[in-house]
Protein backbone atom coordinates (compact mmCIF):
# COMPACT_ATOMS: atom_id res chain seq x y z
CA MET A 1 0.00 0.00 0.00
CA ARG A 2 2.80 2.39 0.93
CA THR A 3 4.62 1.61 -2.35
CA THR A 4 1.46 2.38 -4.32
CA ILE A 5 1.03 5.75 -2.61
CA ILE A 6 4.67 6.68 -3.27
CA SER A 7 4.36 5.66 -6.92
CA LEU A 8 1.18 7.70 -7.31
CA PHE A 9 2.88 10.70 -5.73
CA LEU A 10 5.85 10.41 -8.11
CA ILE A 11 3.53 10.14 -11.13
CA LEU A 12 1.58 13.24 -10.06
CA SER A 13 4.83 15.16 -9.44
CA TRP A 14 6.17 14.19 -12.87
CA TYR A 15 2.89 15.20 -14.51
CA SER A 16 2.89 18.54 -12.70
CA GLN A 17 6.45 19.29 -13.79
CA ALA A 18 5.64 18.24 -17.34
CA GLN A 19 2.70 20.63 -17.35
CA GLU A 20 4.86 23.48 -16.03
CA THR A 21 7.55 22.97 -18.70
CA ASN A 22 5.14 22.32 -21.56
CA PRO A 23 6.05 24.97 -24.16
CA TYR A 24 3.56 27.31 -25.75
CA SER A 25 3.21 27.18 -29.53
CA PHE A 26 1.92 30.18 -31.51
CA SER A 27 1.32 31.27 -35.05
CA MET A 28 1.19 35.02 -35.53
CA ASP A 29 -2.62 35.14 -35.27
CA GLU A 30 -2.62 32.83 -32.25
CA ALA A 31 -0.05 35.02 -30.53
CA ILE A 32 -2.19 38.12 -31.14
CA ALA A 33 -5.32 36.39 -29.80
CA HIS A 34 -3.45 35.22 -26.70
CA ALA A 35 -2.00 38.67 -26.04
CA LEU A 36 -5.38 40.40 -26.37
CA GLU A 37 -6.61 38.21 -23.52
CA HIS A 38 -3.52 37.91 -21.31
CA ASN A 39 -1.37 40.98 -21.97
CA TYR A 40 -0.97 42.99 -18.78
CA SER A 41 -2.10 46.32 -20.21
CA ALA A 42 -5.00 44.61 -22.03
CA ILE A 43 -6.21 43.16 -18.73
CA ASN A 44 -6.11 46.59 -17.08
CA ALA A 45 -7.88 48.17 -20.07
CA SER A 46 -10.77 45.75 -19.54
CA ARG A 47 -10.81 46.71 -15.88
CA ASP A 48 -10.99 50.36 -16.89
CA ILE A 49 -14.24 49.62 -18.75
CA VAL A 50 -15.76 48.09 -15.62
CA ASP A 51 -14.45 51.03 -13.57
CA ALA A 52 -16.07 53.49 -15.99
CA GLN A 53 -19.40 51.66 -15.68
CA LYS A 54 -19.20 51.82 -11.89
CA GLN A 55 -18.30 55.51 -12.04
CA LYS A 56 -21.31 56.11 -14.29
CA TRP A 57 -23.64 54.59 -11.71
CA GLU A 58 -21.83 56.46 -8.92
CA THR A 59 -22.67 59.73 -10.67
CA ILE A 60 -26.30 58.77 -11.32
CA ALA A 61 -26.78 57.62 -7.72
CA ASP A 62 -25.95 61.11 -6.42
CA GLY A 63 -29.36 62.29 -7.64
CA LEU A 64 -31.34 59.37 -6.22
CA PRO A 65 -32.79 59.19 -2.68
CA GLN A 66 -30.17 58.93 0.04
CA ILE A 67 -30.90 57.55 3.51
CA SER A 68 -28.54 58.03 6.43
CA GLY A 69 -28.78 57.16 10.09
CA ALA A 70 -27.20 58.66 13.19
CA ILE A 71 -27.01 57.51 16.79
CA SER A 72 -25.78 59.73 19.61
CA TYR A 73 -25.17 58.94 23.30
CA GLN A 74 -24.14 61.41 26.02
CA ASN A 75 -23.24 60.88 29.67
CA GLN A 76 -22.83 64.12 31.59
CA LEU A 77 -20.25 63.16 34.18
CA LYS A 78 -20.91 66.44 35.99
CA GLN A 79 -24.18 68.11 35.12
CA PRO A 80 -24.33 71.91 34.77
CA VAL A 81 -26.05 73.80 37.60
CA ASN A 82 -28.49 76.63 36.90
CA GLN A 83 -29.85 79.30 39.24
CA ILE A 84 -33.49 80.39 39.21
CA PRO A 85 -35.33 82.85 41.50
CA ALA A 86 -36.14 81.16 44.85
CA GLU A 87 -39.53 82.82 44.97
CA PHE A 88 -40.66 80.29 42.27
CA PHE A 89 -40.39 77.68 45.03
CA GLY A 90 -41.85 79.88 47.83
CA GLY A 91 -38.51 81.33 48.89
CA GLU A 92 -37.56 84.90 49.65
CA PRO A 93 -37.53 87.35 46.75
CA GLY A 94 -34.03 88.28 45.59
CA THR A 95 -32.56 84.89 46.42
CA PHE A 96 -31.79 82.04 43.98
CA GLN A 97 -32.15 78.31 44.06
CA GLU A 98 -29.58 75.98 42.42
CA VAL A 99 -31.23 73.38 40.23
CA VAL A 100 -30.08 70.73 37.71
CA PHE A 101 -32.22 70.24 34.60
CA GLY A 102 -32.66 66.84 32.97
CA GLN A 103 -31.08 63.49 33.58
CA PRO A 104 -27.33 62.84 33.19
CA GLN A 105 -27.59 60.29 30.38
CA SER A 106 -29.32 60.73 27.01
CA ALA A 107 -29.51 58.96 23.66
CA THR A 108 -30.88 59.95 20.27
CA ALA A 109 -31.44 57.96 17.06
CA THR A 110 -32.32 59.63 13.76
CA ALA A 111 -32.92 58.47 10.18
CA THR A 112 -32.83 61.11 7.40
CA LEU A 113 -34.04 60.85 3.81
CA THR A 114 -32.61 63.42 1.37
CA GLN A 115 -33.59 63.94 -2.25
CA GLN A 116 -31.98 66.17 -4.80
CA ILE A 117 -34.69 68.08 -6.66
CA PHE A 118 -32.63 70.31 -8.94
CA ASP A 119 -28.89 70.69 -9.45
CA GLY A 120 -27.49 71.79 -12.81
CA SER A 121 -24.11 70.19 -12.17
CA TYR A 122 -25.78 66.83 -11.54
CA ILE A 123 -27.63 66.99 -14.87
CA VAL A 124 -24.38 67.78 -16.70
CA GLY A 125 -22.57 65.03 -14.80
CA VAL A 126 -25.12 62.42 -15.88
CA GLN A 127 -24.85 63.57 -19.49
CA ALA A 128 -21.04 63.38 -19.31
CA THR A 129 -21.02 59.76 -18.09
CA LYS A 130 -21.90 58.53 -21.57
CA ALA A 131 -18.92 60.40 -23.04
CA PHE A 132 -16.62 59.07 -20.32
CA LEU A 133 -17.74 55.49 -20.97
CA SER A 134 -17.15 56.05 -24.70
CA PHE A 135 -13.62 57.30 -23.92
CA SER A 136 -12.88 54.17 -21.87
CA GLN A 137 -14.10 51.93 -24.69
CA ASN A 138 -12.05 53.80 -27.29
CA ASN A 139 -9.02 53.70 -25.03
CA LYS A 140 -9.43 49.93 -24.74
CA GLU A 141 -9.63 49.71 -28.53
CA LYS A 142 -6.41 51.72 -28.88
CA ASN A 143 -4.76 49.49 -26.30
CA GLU A 144 -5.77 46.40 -28.32
CA LEU A 145 -4.29 47.91 -31.48
CA ASP A 146 -1.07 48.74 -29.61
CA VAL A 147 -0.91 45.20 -28.21
CA ARG A 148 -1.45 43.74 -31.69
CA LYS A 149 1.30 45.96 -33.10
CA ALA A 150 3.66 45.02 -30.25
CA VAL A 151 3.02 41.29 -30.80
CA VAL A 152 3.71 41.58 -34.55
CA GLU A 153 6.97 43.45 -33.93
CA ALA A 154 8.12 41.08 -31.18
CA TYR A 155 7.16 37.98 -33.21
CA GLY A 156 9.05 39.30 -36.24
CA ASN A 157 12.10 40.16 -34.13
CA VAL A 158 12.25 36.62 -32.74
CA LEU A 159 12.08 35.16 -36.25
CA LEU A 160 14.75 37.62 -37.39
CA ALA A 161 17.03 36.58 -34.54
CA GLN A 162 16.46 32.87 -35.21
CA GLU A 163 17.20 33.28 -38.92
CA SER A 164 20.32 35.29 -38.06
CA VAL A 165 21.56 32.43 -35.88
CA LEU A 166 21.03 29.89 -38.67
CA ILE A 167 22.74 32.05 -41.30
CA SER A 168 25.68 32.84 -39.01
CA GLU A 169 26.12 29.16 -38.18
CA ASN A 170 26.19 28.29 -41.90
CA ASN A 171 28.63 31.10 -42.61
CA LYS A 172 30.83 29.92 -39.77
CA LYS A 173 30.90 26.35 -41.11
CA THR A 174 31.88 27.57 -44.57
CA LEU A 175 34.65 29.78 -43.18
CA GLU A 176 35.99 27.02 -40.94
CA LYS A 177 36.22 24.76 -43.98
CA ASN A 178 37.99 27.49 -45.99
CA LEU A 179 40.37 28.21 -43.14
CA TYR A 180 41.18 24.51 -42.68
CA GLU A 181 41.96 24.03 -46.37
CA THR A 182 43.99 27.24 -46.57
CA GLN A 183 45.90 26.31 -43.41
CA LYS A 184 46.84 22.94 -44.91
CA ILE A 185 47.93 24.55 -48.18
CA PHE A 186 50.09 27.03 -46.25
CA GLU A 187 51.60 24.27 -44.12
CA ASN A 188 52.56 22.43 -47.32
CA GLY A 189 54.30 25.57 -48.58
CA LEU A 190 51.90 26.21 -51.42
CA GLY A 191 50.13 29.28 -50.00
CA ASP A 192 50.87 32.48 -48.13
CA GLU A 193 50.25 33.35 -44.49
CA GLU A 194 48.21 36.44 -45.40
CA SER A 195 45.44 34.23 -46.79
CA VAL A 196 45.24 32.40 -43.48
CA ASP A 197 45.14 35.67 -41.54
CA GLN A 198 42.41 37.12 -43.77
CA LEU A 199 40.19 34.11 -43.17
CA LYS A 200 40.89 34.23 -39.43
CA ILE A 201 39.73 37.86 -39.33
CA THR A 202 36.54 37.02 -41.20
CA LEU A 203 35.86 33.97 -39.03
CA SER A 204 36.39 35.95 -35.84
CA SER A 205 33.87 38.56 -37.02
CA VAL A 206 31.28 35.90 -37.91
CA GLU A 207 31.76 34.16 -34.55
CA ASN A 208 31.01 37.44 -32.76
CA GLN A 209 27.93 37.93 -34.92
CA LEU A 210 26.77 34.42 -34.04
CA LYS A 211 27.22 34.99 -30.32
CA ASN A 212 25.32 38.27 -30.53
CA ALA A 213 22.54 36.64 -32.59
CA LYS A 214 22.10 33.94 -29.94
CA ARG A 215 21.87 36.55 -27.20
CA LEU A 216 19.33 38.51 -29.23
CA GLU A 217 17.32 35.34 -29.85
CA LYS A 218 16.92 34.87 -26.10
CA ILE A 219 16.15 38.53 -25.41
CA THR A 220 13.60 38.89 -28.23
CA LEU A 221 11.86 35.71 -27.09
CA GLN A 222 11.64 37.12 -23.56
CA MET A 223 10.21 40.36 -24.96
CA LEU A 224 7.59 38.38 -26.89
CA ASN A 225 6.65 36.45 -23.74
CA LEU A 226 6.26 39.73 -21.88
CA VAL A 227 3.91 41.08 -24.55
CA LEU A 228 1.96 37.80 -24.50
CA GLY A 229 1.48 38.07 -20.74
CA LEU A 230 3.68 35.03 -20.04
CA PRO A 231 6.63 34.66 -17.64
CA ILE A 232 9.67 35.75 -19.65
CA GLU A 233 11.44 32.38 -19.21
CA THR A 234 8.50 30.44 -20.69
CA PRO A 235 9.61 28.09 -23.51
CA THR A 236 7.73 29.48 -26.51
CA ILE A 237 7.74 28.00 -30.01
CA LEU A 238 6.87 30.03 -33.12
CA THR A 239 5.17 27.94 -35.83
CA GLU A 240 5.74 30.35 -38.73
CA ASN A 241 8.94 31.18 -40.56
CA LEU A 242 9.97 34.65 -41.64
CA ASP A 243 9.76 34.11 -45.39
CA ASP A 244 6.25 32.58 -45.41
CA LEU A 245 4.98 35.21 -43.00
CA THR A 246 6.35 37.98 -45.22
CA GLN A 247 4.65 36.54 -48.30
CA LYS A 248 1.31 36.56 -46.45
CA GLN A 249 1.79 40.21 -45.47
CA ILE A 250 2.15 41.43 -49.06
CA ASP A 251 -1.28 42.76 -49.99
CA PHE A 252 -1.44 45.52 -52.60
CA GLY A 253 -5.23 45.56 -52.28
CA LEU A 254 -4.76 47.14 -48.87
CA MET A 255 -3.65 50.32 -50.62
CA ASP A 256 -7.08 50.73 -52.19
CA SER A 257 -9.04 50.14 -48.97
CA ALA A 258 -11.66 52.78 -48.27
CA PHE A 259 -10.59 55.03 -45.43
CA ASN A 260 -13.22 56.24 -43.00
CA ILE A 261 -11.53 58.54 -40.52
CA GLU A 262 -14.31 57.94 -38.00
CA ASN A 263 -13.00 54.39 -37.62
CA ASN A 264 -9.54 55.63 -36.64
CA VAL A 265 -9.12 55.26 -32.88
CA ASP A 266 -6.98 58.40 -32.52
CA TYR A 267 -9.76 60.39 -34.18
CA LYS A 268 -12.29 58.84 -31.79
CA LEU A 269 -10.15 59.85 -28.82
CA ALA A 270 -9.87 63.40 -30.18
CA ILE A 271 -13.69 63.48 -30.41
CA ASN A 272 -13.85 62.28 -26.80
CA GLN A 273 -11.55 65.08 -25.74
CA GLU A 274 -13.77 67.66 -27.44
CA GLU A 275 -16.85 66.16 -25.74
CA GLN A 276 -15.12 66.32 -22.38
CA ARG A 277 -14.32 70.03 -22.85
CA TYR A 278 -17.90 70.64 -23.98
CA PHE A 279 -19.32 69.18 -20.77
CA GLU A 280 -16.74 71.03 -18.68
CA HIS A 281 -17.95 74.27 -20.27
CA LYS A 282 -21.55 73.28 -19.63
CA LEU A 283 -20.71 72.42 -16.02
CA ALA A 284 -19.08 75.80 -15.49
CA LYS A 285 -22.25 77.54 -16.71
CA SER A 286 -24.46 75.36 -14.50
CA ARG A 287 -22.76 76.68 -11.36
CA ALA A 288 -24.73 79.93 -11.78
CA LEU A 289 -28.02 78.03 -11.32
CA PRO A 290 -29.74 77.51 -7.95
CA THR A 291 -29.84 74.12 -6.27
CA LEU A 292 -32.84 72.67 -4.46
CA ASN A 293 -32.83 69.69 -2.09
CA ALA A 294 -35.53 68.20 0.16
CA PHE A 295 -35.15 66.22 3.34
CA VAL A 296 -37.30 64.47 5.92
CA ASN A 297 -36.14 62.80 9.08
CA TYR A 298 -37.56 60.89 11.97
CA GLY A 299 -35.86 60.27 15.27
CA GLY A 300 -36.30 59.58 18.94
CA SER A 301 -34.70 60.76 22.16
CA SER A 302 -34.50 59.10 25.56
CA PHE A 303 -33.20 60.23 28.97
CA SER A 304 -32.14 58.27 32.02
CA ASP A 305 -30.08 58.32 35.19
CA SER A 306 -28.32 55.10 34.10
CA PHE A 307 -27.61 53.32 30.81
CA ASN A 308 -30.79 51.35 30.23
CA PHE A 309 -31.71 52.59 26.76
CA LEU A 310 -31.84 49.06 25.36
CA SER A 311 -34.43 47.81 27.86
CA SER A 312 -38.00 47.34 26.67
CA GLY A 313 -39.49 49.62 29.30
CA GLN A 314 -37.37 52.65 28.43
CA GLU A 315 -39.43 55.53 27.09
CA TRP A 316 -38.47 57.23 23.79
CA PHE A 317 -39.82 60.54 22.55
CA GLY A 318 -40.26 60.81 18.81
CA SER A 319 -39.66 63.78 16.51
CA SER A 320 -39.77 64.43 12.76
CA VAL A 321 -38.76 67.27 10.45
CA LEU A 322 -39.59 67.99 6.79
CA GLY A 323 -37.69 70.72 4.98
CA PHE A 324 -36.14 72.15 1.83
CA ASP A 325 -32.74 73.69 1.12
CA LEU A 326 -32.55 76.29 -1.65
CA ASN A 327 -29.12 77.66 -2.51
CA ILE A 328 -29.08 80.66 -4.88
CA PRO A 329 -25.72 81.93 -6.19
CA ILE A 330 -25.90 85.72 -6.25
CA PHE A 331 -22.46 87.26 -6.53
CA SER A 332 -19.01 85.66 -6.72
CA SER A 333 -16.90 88.68 -7.69
CA LEU A 334 -16.88 87.37 -11.31
CA LYS A 335 -15.22 84.10 -10.22
CA ARG A 336 -17.87 81.97 -11.93
CA SER A 337 -17.68 84.12 -15.04
CA ALA A 338 -13.91 83.66 -15.26
CA GLY A 339 -14.26 79.90 -14.81
CA THR A 340 -16.88 79.75 -17.58
CA GLN A 341 -14.67 81.76 -19.94
CA ARG A 342 -11.70 79.49 -19.25
CA ALA A 343 -13.83 76.41 -19.96
CA LYS A 344 -14.95 77.99 -23.23
CA ILE A 345 -11.33 78.64 -24.22
CA ALA A 346 -10.50 74.99 -23.47
CA LEU A 347 -13.42 73.92 -25.68
CA GLU A 348 -12.20 76.05 -28.57
CA LYS A 349 -8.70 74.60 -28.16
CA ALA A 350 -10.15 71.08 -28.27
CA LYS A 351 -11.96 71.89 -31.52
CA THR A 352 -8.69 73.12 -33.02
CA GLN A 353 -6.88 70.01 -31.80
CA LEU A 354 -9.57 67.84 -33.40
CA THR A 355 -8.98 69.55 -36.76
CA GLU A 356 -5.23 69.12 -36.34
CA ALA A 357 -5.67 65.44 -35.40
CA GLU A 358 -7.75 64.84 -38.51
CA GLU A 359 -5.06 66.30 -40.77
CA GLN A 360 -2.30 64.42 -38.94
CA ILE A 361 -4.14 61.12 -39.35
CA ARG A 362 -4.57 61.70 -43.09
CA LEU A 363 -0.85 62.49 -43.35
CA GLN A 364 0.03 59.36 -41.32
CA LEU A 365 -2.09 57.31 -43.72
CA GLU A 366 -0.25 58.57 -46.79
CA SER A 367 3.10 58.08 -45.05
CA ALA A 368 2.16 54.54 -43.97
CA LYS A 369 1.12 53.65 -47.53
CA SER A 370 4.41 54.99 -48.87
CA ASP A 371 6.43 53.13 -46.23
CA TYR A 372 4.54 49.90 -46.96
CA ILE A 373 5.16 50.14 -50.72
CA LEU A 374 8.82 50.97 -50.09
CA ALA A 375 9.18 47.99 -47.74
CA ILE A 376 7.75 45.64 -50.38
CA GLU A 377 10.06 47.09 -53.03
CA GLU A 378 13.07 46.85 -50.71
CA TYR A 379 12.14 43.24 -49.97
CA GLY A 380 12.13 42.40 -53.69
CA THR A 381 15.40 44.24 -54.26
CA SER A 382 17.18 42.69 -51.27
CA LYS A 383 16.04 39.23 -52.39
CA GLU A 384 17.58 39.80 -55.81
CA ASN A 385 20.71 41.28 -54.23
CA LEU A 386 21.05 38.23 -52.00
CA GLU A 387 21.00 35.93 -55.01
CA LEU A 388 23.65 38.08 -56.70
CA ALA A 389 25.80 38.21 -53.56
CA GLU A 390 25.59 34.41 -53.18
CA ARG A 391 26.58 33.97 -56.83
CA ILE A 392 29.52 36.37 -56.46
CA GLU A 393 30.66 34.65 -53.26
CA ASN A 394 30.44 31.20 -54.90
CA LYS A 395 32.47 32.39 -57.91
CA ASN A 396 35.12 33.81 -55.63
CA GLN A 397 35.20 30.55 -53.67
CA VAL A 398 35.92 28.69 -56.92
CA LYS A 399 38.48 31.25 -58.06
CA TYR A 400 40.17 31.20 -54.67
CA SER A 401 40.41 27.41 -54.65
CA GLU A 402 41.94 27.54 -58.15
CA GLY A 403 44.32 30.31 -57.19
CA LEU A 404 42.69 32.91 -59.45
CA ALA A 405 41.45 35.14 -56.59
CA THR A 406 43.24 36.48 -53.54
CA SER A 407 42.09 35.99 -49.97
CA PHE A 408 41.31 39.71 -49.82
CA GLU A 409 38.92 39.43 -52.79
CA LEU A 410 37.26 36.39 -51.19
CA ARG A 411 36.86 38.26 -47.91
CA GLN A 412 35.24 41.21 -49.71
CA ALA A 413 32.76 38.86 -51.40
CA GLN A 414 31.98 37.13 -48.10
CA THR A 415 31.51 40.41 -46.23
CA GLN A 416 29.22 41.67 -48.98
CA LEU A 417 27.20 38.43 -48.70
CA TYR A 418 26.86 38.71 -44.91
CA THR A 419 25.67 42.32 -45.17
CA THR A 420 23.17 41.41 -47.89
CA GLN A 421 21.86 38.53 -45.80
CA GLN A 422 21.07 40.86 -42.87
CA GLU A 423 19.49 43.41 -45.21
CA TYR A 424 17.27 40.68 -46.65
CA LEU A 425 16.13 39.55 -43.19
CA GLN A 426 15.46 43.13 -42.11
CA SER A 427 13.49 43.84 -45.29
CA MET A 428 11.09 41.01 -44.43
CA VAL A 429 10.55 42.35 -40.93
CA ASP A 430 9.95 45.83 -42.39
CA VAL A 431 7.20 44.48 -44.66
CA ILE A 432 5.45 42.87 -41.69
CA ASN A 433 5.75 45.92 -39.42
CA ASN A 434 4.76 48.48 -42.06
CA LYS A 435 1.65 46.52 -43.00
CA THR A 436 0.65 46.41 -39.34
CA GLU A 437 1.16 50.17 -39.08
CA LEU A 438 -1.08 50.76 -42.11
CA GLU A 439 -3.76 48.42 -40.77
CA THR A 440 -3.68 50.22 -37.42
CA ILE A 441 -4.43 53.55 -39.10
CA LEU A 442 -7.15 52.11 -41.34
CA ASN A 443 -8.72 50.09 -38.50
CA ASN A 444 -11.30 48.68 -40.88
């Protein structure tokens, strides 16, 4: 029995560890979907929506009936003494009698109902809640677009780093083979030492690039995990490669997409800002209006020489009050007028900023289209250049092996190839990122 329990415990422990180390696997779309649900800022943006809804009800509730209760207890440790004419008690005129009024202990309990009848600021506040909720929703939408953009960039950077590692490893293998052959030729007295040194310099440079690429691979993967809302050390596998992903991101039809600026989230937020200034101006004007509130309360008071207010035989004396409070602003030494004028200025500024935002968004759209086209063109050019650089490097390899090219010429061809390889990888990432930027502005 004991052996069975131990075996079961070991199986459960192994299963738990296997679950903890089980890697995540994402395509680009899967990574975006995961981030929109688990990204830290996305989670807080959803909470902001709930907070805005609660704030909306908090504002509305200010104008609904409010009930409050109050309980008071007093124990006069030394009661005040009063003097009254003694003749009230049959004493001599001109003399006074010391008396103590009431009992030393007292308790009161009161419940009050208040109702706001008219308050201009409350009316404006209720109207503004809709605009505030709209702002929170638009802010959440912008956050989702930012998260999507961050995932695309991080995903592309990981693929770029992984491809850089593979290319650098291949380059290193080729150089090690060249160096080995050249070293043997030199040792047999058929070559020169300069050729060996040239290859050593190139190999050393490629080894440093490989080390840096491996470090970047780890860092970019940690950055992607952070954007995804995962612990940064989580083993994450990307199921797409850079070349296929780039091909999917080439879409010339996107350039002809209809642009409705009202769908752009930055424009929506600029509208929200104008609405906020509008209600602030309206609120400032409402402060010149009177406010009217009603209240009714009911309470009871009890008096005693000792604390027995909770006993059933204790007598309580009831009281009730109904009333209204009317507050009429009359003169504020032009303070309210100045506040209203400042709010109006802020509203006019918001209108100007909305116009500016509209023009900026249209300019961003044209710039994003241009950048996207350029990225596609650069991708095509760098792909052709890579083929040419590979052909040149191969020819120089053959010439070098046949003694028709110097080690310096071979090194130049290899360096040109390595530079072209990195330009090709970067051009693919640029296509992906620039398409995402254009889609963010269009927000269709």
